[in-house]
Protein backbone atom coordinates (compact mmCIF):
# COMPACT_ATOMS: atom_id res chain seq x y z
CA MET A 1 -0.06 -0.09 0.09
CA LEU A 2 2.86 2.38 0.87
CA PRO A 3 4.02 2.27 -2.86
CA ALA A 4 0.99 3.16 -3.53
CA THR A 5 0.28 6.13 -1.60
CA PHE A 6 3.73 7.59 -2.77
CA LYS A 7 2.35 7.42 -6.41
CA LEU A 8 -0.72 9.07 -5.08
CA CYS A 9 1.56 11.91 -3.78
CA ALA A 10 3.21 12.06 -7.14
CA ALA A 11 0.30 12.64 -8.80
CA ILE A 12 -0.70 15.65 -6.95
CA SER A 13 2.74 17.43 -8.15
CA TYR A 14 1.42 17.86 -11.81
CA ARG A 15 0.11 20.93 -12.02
CA HIS A 16 -3.47 20.39 -13.60
CA LEU A 17 -3.81 17.91 -10.56
CA ARG A 18 -2.17 20.09 -7.77
CA ASN A 19 -5.30 22.33 -7.34
CA MET A 20 -7.40 19.38 -6.64
CA THR A 21 -8.42 19.73 -2.85
CA GLY A 22 -9.99 16.56 -2.32
CA LEU A 23 -6.68 14.43 -4.02
CA ARG A 24 -4.34 16.85 -1.44
CA ARG A 25 -6.59 15.68 1.02
CA GLN A 26 -6.46 12.10 0.47
CA ALA A 27 -2.91 12.11 -0.33
CA ALA A 28 -2.26 13.55 3.54
CA VAL A 29 -5.01 10.90 4.85
CA ALA A 30 -3.39 8.13 3.12
CA ILE A 31 -0.04 8.91 4.55
CA SER A 32 -1.18 9.18 8.14
CA GLN A 33 -2.76 5.95 7.84
CA GLU A 34 0.05 4.01 6.47
CA LEU A 35 2.10 5.88 9.16
CA SER A 36 0.31 4.46 11.86
CA LYS A 37 0.39 0.92 10.46
CA LEU A 38 4.27 1.14 10.50
CA ALA A 39 3.99 2.50 14.01
CA CYS A 40 2.25 -0.72 14.83
CA ARG A 41 5.34 -2.87 13.61
CA GLY A 42 7.42 -3.90 16.72
CA ALA A 43 8.51 -0.51 18.10
CA GLY A 44 10.67 -1.63 20.89
CA PRO A 45 10.43 -0.54 24.66
CA GLY A 46 12.05 2.84 25.13
CA SER A 47 11.82 3.85 21.78
CA TRP A 48 8.22 5.45 21.94
CA VAL A 49 9.17 8.81 22.04
CA HIS A 50 11.70 8.58 19.20
CA GLN A 51 8.95 7.05 16.98
CA VAL A 52 6.47 9.68 18.03
CA ARG A 53 8.72 12.46 16.92
CA ARG A 54 9.91 10.83 13.71
CA ARG A 55 6.41 10.27 12.46
CA SER A 56 4.68 13.43 13.44
CA SER A 57 7.17 15.35 11.75
CA LEU A 58 6.73 13.29 8.43
CA LEU A 59 2.88 14.15 9.10
CA GLY A 60 3.37 17.32 9.40
CA SER A 61 5.68 17.85 6.49
CA ARG A 62 2.44 16.34 4.55
CA LEU A 63 0.18 18.73 6.21
CA GLU A 64 1.65 21.81 4.41
CA GLU A 65 -0.20 20.35 1.16
CA ALA A 66 -3.62 20.55 3.18
CA PRO A 67 -6.02 23.25 2.37
CA PHE A 68 -5.43 25.38 5.23
CA SER A 69 -5.02 29.38 5.49
CA GLU A 70 -2.03 30.88 6.54
CA MET A 71 -2.99 31.38 10.07
CA GLU A 72 -4.41 27.86 10.40
CA MET A 73 -1.13 26.47 9.66
CA SER A 74 0.89 28.53 11.75
CA TYR A 75 -1.68 27.36 14.62
CA ILE A 76 -0.84 23.74 13.36
CA ARG A 77 2.95 24.28 13.46
CA GLN A 78 2.59 25.69 16.71
CA GLY A 79 1.06 22.48 18.08
CA GLU A 80 3.73 20.36 16.51
CA GLU A 81 6.27 22.71 17.97
CA ALA A 82 4.69 21.91 21.42
CA LEU A 83 4.78 18.21 20.90
CA GLN A 84 8.40 18.17 19.48
CA LYS A 85 9.42 20.52 22.76
CA SER A 86 7.56 18.00 25.35
CA LEU A 87 8.68 14.74 24.05
CA SER A 88 12.54 16.32 23.95
CA ILE A 89 12.02 17.30 27.55
CA LEU A 90 11.07 13.67 28.32
CA GLY A 91 12.88 12.05 26.41
CA ASP A 92 15.83 13.55 28.43
CA GLN A 93 16.14 11.09 31.57
CA ASP A 94 18.47 13.32 33.73
CA GLY A 95 18.12 15.67 36.18
CA TRP A 96 14.63 14.96 37.60
CA LYS A 97 14.11 15.12 41.16
CA THR A 98 11.25 14.02 42.88
CA GLU A 99 8.82 16.37 44.26
CA THR A 100 5.78 14.04 45.62
CA VAL A 101 5.29 10.11 45.74
CA VAL A 102 1.77 9.30 46.85
CA ASP A 103 1.00 5.98 48.51
CA ASN A 104 -0.72 4.11 45.30
CA GLY A 105 2.23 4.64 43.38
CA ASP A 106 1.66 7.91 41.51
CA ARG A 107 4.57 10.25 41.73
CA VAL A 108 5.32 14.00 40.71
CA LEU A 109 9.03 14.56 39.48
CA SER A 110 10.39 18.26 38.40
CA LYS A 111 13.64 19.40 36.79
CA VAL A 112 14.60 23.25 36.00
CA LEU A 113 15.29 24.00 32.46
CA PRO A 114 17.55 27.11 31.45
CA ASP A 115 15.16 28.04 28.80
CA VAL A 116 11.74 27.02 30.23
CA GLY A 117 12.03 26.93 33.83
CA LYS A 118 10.67 24.74 36.48
CA VAL A 119 8.82 21.84 34.95
CA PHE A 120 6.82 18.77 36.62
CA ARG A 121 6.22 15.08 36.01
CA LEU A 122 3.41 13.19 37.10
CA GLU A 123 3.60 9.64 36.61
CA VAL A 124 0.26 7.53 37.19
CA VAL A 125 -1.10 4.44 36.26
CA VAL A 126 -5.15 4.53 35.54
CA ASP A 127 -7.49 1.58 35.88
CA GLN A 128 -9.01 2.42 32.53
CA PRO A 129 -8.13 1.37 28.94
CA LEU A 130 -6.50 3.71 26.84
CA ASP A 131 -9.35 4.69 24.42
CA THR A 132 -11.42 5.60 27.73
CA VAL A 133 -8.82 8.06 28.98
CA TYR A 134 -8.38 9.56 25.72
CA GLY A 135 -12.15 9.93 25.28
CA GLU A 136 -11.90 11.89 28.29
CA LEU A 137 -9.19 14.14 27.84
CA VAL A 138 -9.71 15.06 24.30
CA ASP A 139 -13.47 14.10 22.93
CA ASN A 140 -15.18 15.43 26.42
CA MET A 141 -12.28 18.06 26.83
CA GLU A 142 -15.41 20.90 27.17
CA GLN A 143 -16.41 19.03 30.29
CA MET A 144 -13.55 18.99 32.21
CA ALA A 145 -14.62 21.38 34.70
CA ASP A 146 -17.38 18.90 35.93
CA TRP A 147 -14.98 16.58 37.37
CA ASN A 148 -11.64 18.67 37.69
CA PRO A 149 -11.95 21.29 40.82
CA SER A 150 -8.82 23.20 39.49
CA VAL A 151 -10.65 24.07 35.99
CA LYS A 152 -13.42 26.38 35.91
CA GLU A 153 -14.22 26.61 32.12
CA ILE A 154 -12.93 24.99 29.00
CA LYS A 155 -14.27 26.10 25.56
CA ILE A 156 -12.90 25.35 22.34
CA LEU A 157 -12.61 28.19 20.40
CA GLN A 158 -11.92 26.73 16.80
CA LYS A 159 -10.94 23.63 15.39
CA ILE A 160 -8.28 23.14 12.74
CA GLY A 161 -8.46 19.86 11.09
CA LYS A 162 -8.83 16.69 12.80
CA ASP A 163 -5.83 16.95 14.96
CA THR A 164 -5.59 20.64 16.41
CA VAL A 165 -7.76 23.08 18.23
CA ILE A 166 -7.56 26.36 20.42
CA THR A 167 -9.11 26.60 23.53
CA HIS A 168 -9.70 29.31 26.37
CA GLU A 169 -9.43 27.93 29.81
CA LYS A 170 -10.46 29.74 33.17
CA ALA A 171 -8.58 28.16 36.14
CA ALA A 172 -10.40 28.00 39.12
CA ALA A 173 -9.39 29.91 42.35
CA THR A 174 -7.12 27.85 44.47
CA PRO A 175 -8.03 27.14 48.06
CA GLY A 176 -7.37 30.28 50.41
CA ASN A 177 -7.32 32.21 46.92
CA ILE A 178 -3.62 32.11 46.90
CA VAL A 179 -3.44 32.34 43.42
CA GLY A 180 -5.98 34.73 41.62
CA PRO A 181 -8.04 34.32 38.69
CA ARG A 182 -5.80 32.94 35.73
CA ASP A 183 -7.09 32.28 32.30
CA PHE A 184 -5.06 30.61 29.32
CA VAL A 185 -5.20 30.75 25.58
CA SER A 186 -3.92 27.51 23.97
CA VAL A 187 -3.23 25.78 20.72
CA ARG A 188 -3.37 21.85 21.54
CA CYS A 189 -3.01 18.80 19.01
CA SER A 190 -3.52 15.18 19.51
CA ARG A 191 -1.63 12.74 17.83
CA ARG A 192 -1.75 8.88 17.57
CA ARG A 193 1.55 6.75 16.53
CA GLY A 194 0.36 2.84 17.22
CA SER A 195 -0.27 2.15 20.97
CA THR A 196 0.82 5.73 21.96
CA CYS A 197 -1.32 8.77 22.44
CA VAL A 198 0.48 12.21 22.69
CA LEU A 199 -1.89 15.36 23.40
CA ALA A 200 0.36 18.36 23.42
CA GLY A 201 -0.13 22.14 23.94
CA MET A 202 1.30 25.48 24.50
CA ALA A 203 -0.05 29.59 25.09
CA THR A 204 -0.49 31.12 21.85
CA LYS A 205 -2.44 34.38 20.43
CA TYR A 206 -6.06 34.18 19.43
CA GLY A 207 -7.59 37.67 18.19
CA ALA A 208 -11.11 36.53 19.22
CA MET A 209 -10.26 36.16 22.79
CA PRO A 210 -7.92 39.25 23.93
CA GLU A 211 -7.17 39.46 27.78
CA GLN A 212 -10.17 39.28 29.70
CA GLU A 213 -11.17 41.99 32.83
CA GLY A 214 -10.50 40.21 36.58
CA PHE A 215 -8.13 37.39 35.16
CA ILE A 216 -4.35 37.52 34.70
CA ARG A 217 -3.57 35.86 31.40
CA ALA A 218 -1.15 32.82 32.47
CA GLU A 219 0.89 30.93 29.87
CA ASN A 220 1.44 27.23 29.53
CA GLY A 221 4.07 25.51 27.67
CA PRO A 222 5.52 23.57 26.42
CA THR A 223 3.20 20.77 27.91
CA CYS A 224 1.65 17.24 26.87
CA MET A 225 0.18 14.03 28.08
CA ILE A 226 1.07 10.83 27.19
CA LEU A 227 -1.24 7.74 27.14
CA ARG A 228 0.55 4.15 26.59
CA PRO A 229 -1.55 0.76 27.29
CA LEU A 230 0.34 -0.81 30.66
CA PRO A 231 2.50 -3.82 29.43
CA GLY A 232 0.95 -6.82 30.01
CA SER A 233 -2.30 -5.21 31.11
CA PRO A 234 -4.04 -3.29 28.24
CA SER A 235 -7.15 -2.77 30.63
CA GLN A 236 -4.95 -0.55 32.27
CA THR A 237 -3.16 2.88 31.07
CA ARG A 238 0.09 4.80 31.87
CA LEU A 239 -0.01 8.34 32.04
CA THR A 240 2.61 10.80 31.71
CA TRP A 241 1.96 14.36 32.27
CA LEU A 242 4.33 17.08 31.57
CA LEU A 243 3.26 20.53 33.01
CA SER A 244 5.09 23.86 32.20
CA ILE A 245 3.18 26.91 33.69
CA ASP A 246 3.97 30.79 33.71
CA LEU A 247 1.44 31.80 36.17
CA LYS A 248 2.48 35.61 35.76
CA GLY A 249 2.25 38.09 38.53
CA TRP A 250 4.21 38.36 41.72
CA LEU A 251 4.08 35.10 43.38
CA PRO A 252 6.63 33.49 45.25
CA LYS A 253 8.20 30.69 43.34
CA SER A 254 7.95 28.20 46.60
CA ILE A 255 4.17 28.73 46.14
CA ILE A 256 4.06 28.19 43.02
CA ASN A 257 5.67 24.79 42.88
CA GLN A 258 3.66 24.05 45.68
CA VAL A 259 0.21 24.79 43.97
CA LEU A 260 1.28 22.86 40.53
CA SER A 261 2.80 19.71 42.51
CA GLN A 262 -0.49 19.00 43.97
CA THR A 263 -2.31 20.23 41.15
CA GLN A 264 -1.08 17.29 39.32
CA VAL A 265 -1.73 14.96 42.34
CA ASP A 266 -5.18 15.92 42.60
CA PHE A 267 -5.85 15.35 38.91
CA ALA A 268 -5.23 12.07 38.70
CA ASN A 269 -7.41 11.50 41.51
CA HIS A 270 -10.34 13.45 39.98
CA LEU A 271 -9.71 11.65 36.93
CA ARG A 272 -9.84 8.18 38.47
CA GLN A 273 -13.25 9.23 39.93
CA ARG A 274 -14.47 10.31 36.69
CA LEU A 275 -13.47 7.44 34.82
CA ALA A 276 -15.28 5.30 37.51
CA GLN A 277 -18.53 6.60 36.05
CA PRO A 278 -19.79 5.59 32.22
CA ALA A 279 -17.64 7.63 29.77
CA ALA A 280 -17.51 8.07 26.02
CA GLY A 281 -14.33 7.46 24.36
CA GLY A 282 -12.16 6.42 21.12
CA CYS A 283 -8.45 7.21 20.04
């Protein structure tokens, strides 16, 4: 099938076919499908970061031919940049320090990066299959405020293709109002390569959502969640969450670090409670 796919791509290089939008979209979809098939053929342990980064870059090059506007392509590239930066951070195993370890095995690690600042890494196992977890975090994204007390509201402002969205998120007040009202505008992208799902994002500018009265516009990213079936137990999912946030304003770093670390631990608990209820999903 792969040779036929490349023939299809070669065909759209001719001038009289290059303007056929349907054919160009068909070529991009075909390549995406073939890359997904290749990803399922024997990616060994420890190679998932390399595989996702490589194939995501290949697919990104084909997206340049999709019929998106210049602004839409800019957002797609930002999402790809967030994904690549996040995977690069997670792929480097050196320098991580333990912040929190919970009795159930959940743990939060952290490290300081020169160009990013302090980032946090949550590692947990959820007793639900990957498709269910993915469905809750992506397909039901706008319902997150129903079960995550740290989120007041999430709205999808724009969808670009099937993998990229622009969102506006309002953070809920922290206990004691230690951190005042914050909101975020982010570009988010999702990718699936074989049995691995990656959900990445970073702060962006969106003209239709300027800074809101009563909120400090904070910035996140690069940030991402990695979802993989637990080896030997496909009914469980290993979730890794890289969190990087600039809350802005005048806040002591000690308070920020404590809030962010606890936010990740609380998120895992609330997610488990949500998934214990009937939930739609599908990756």
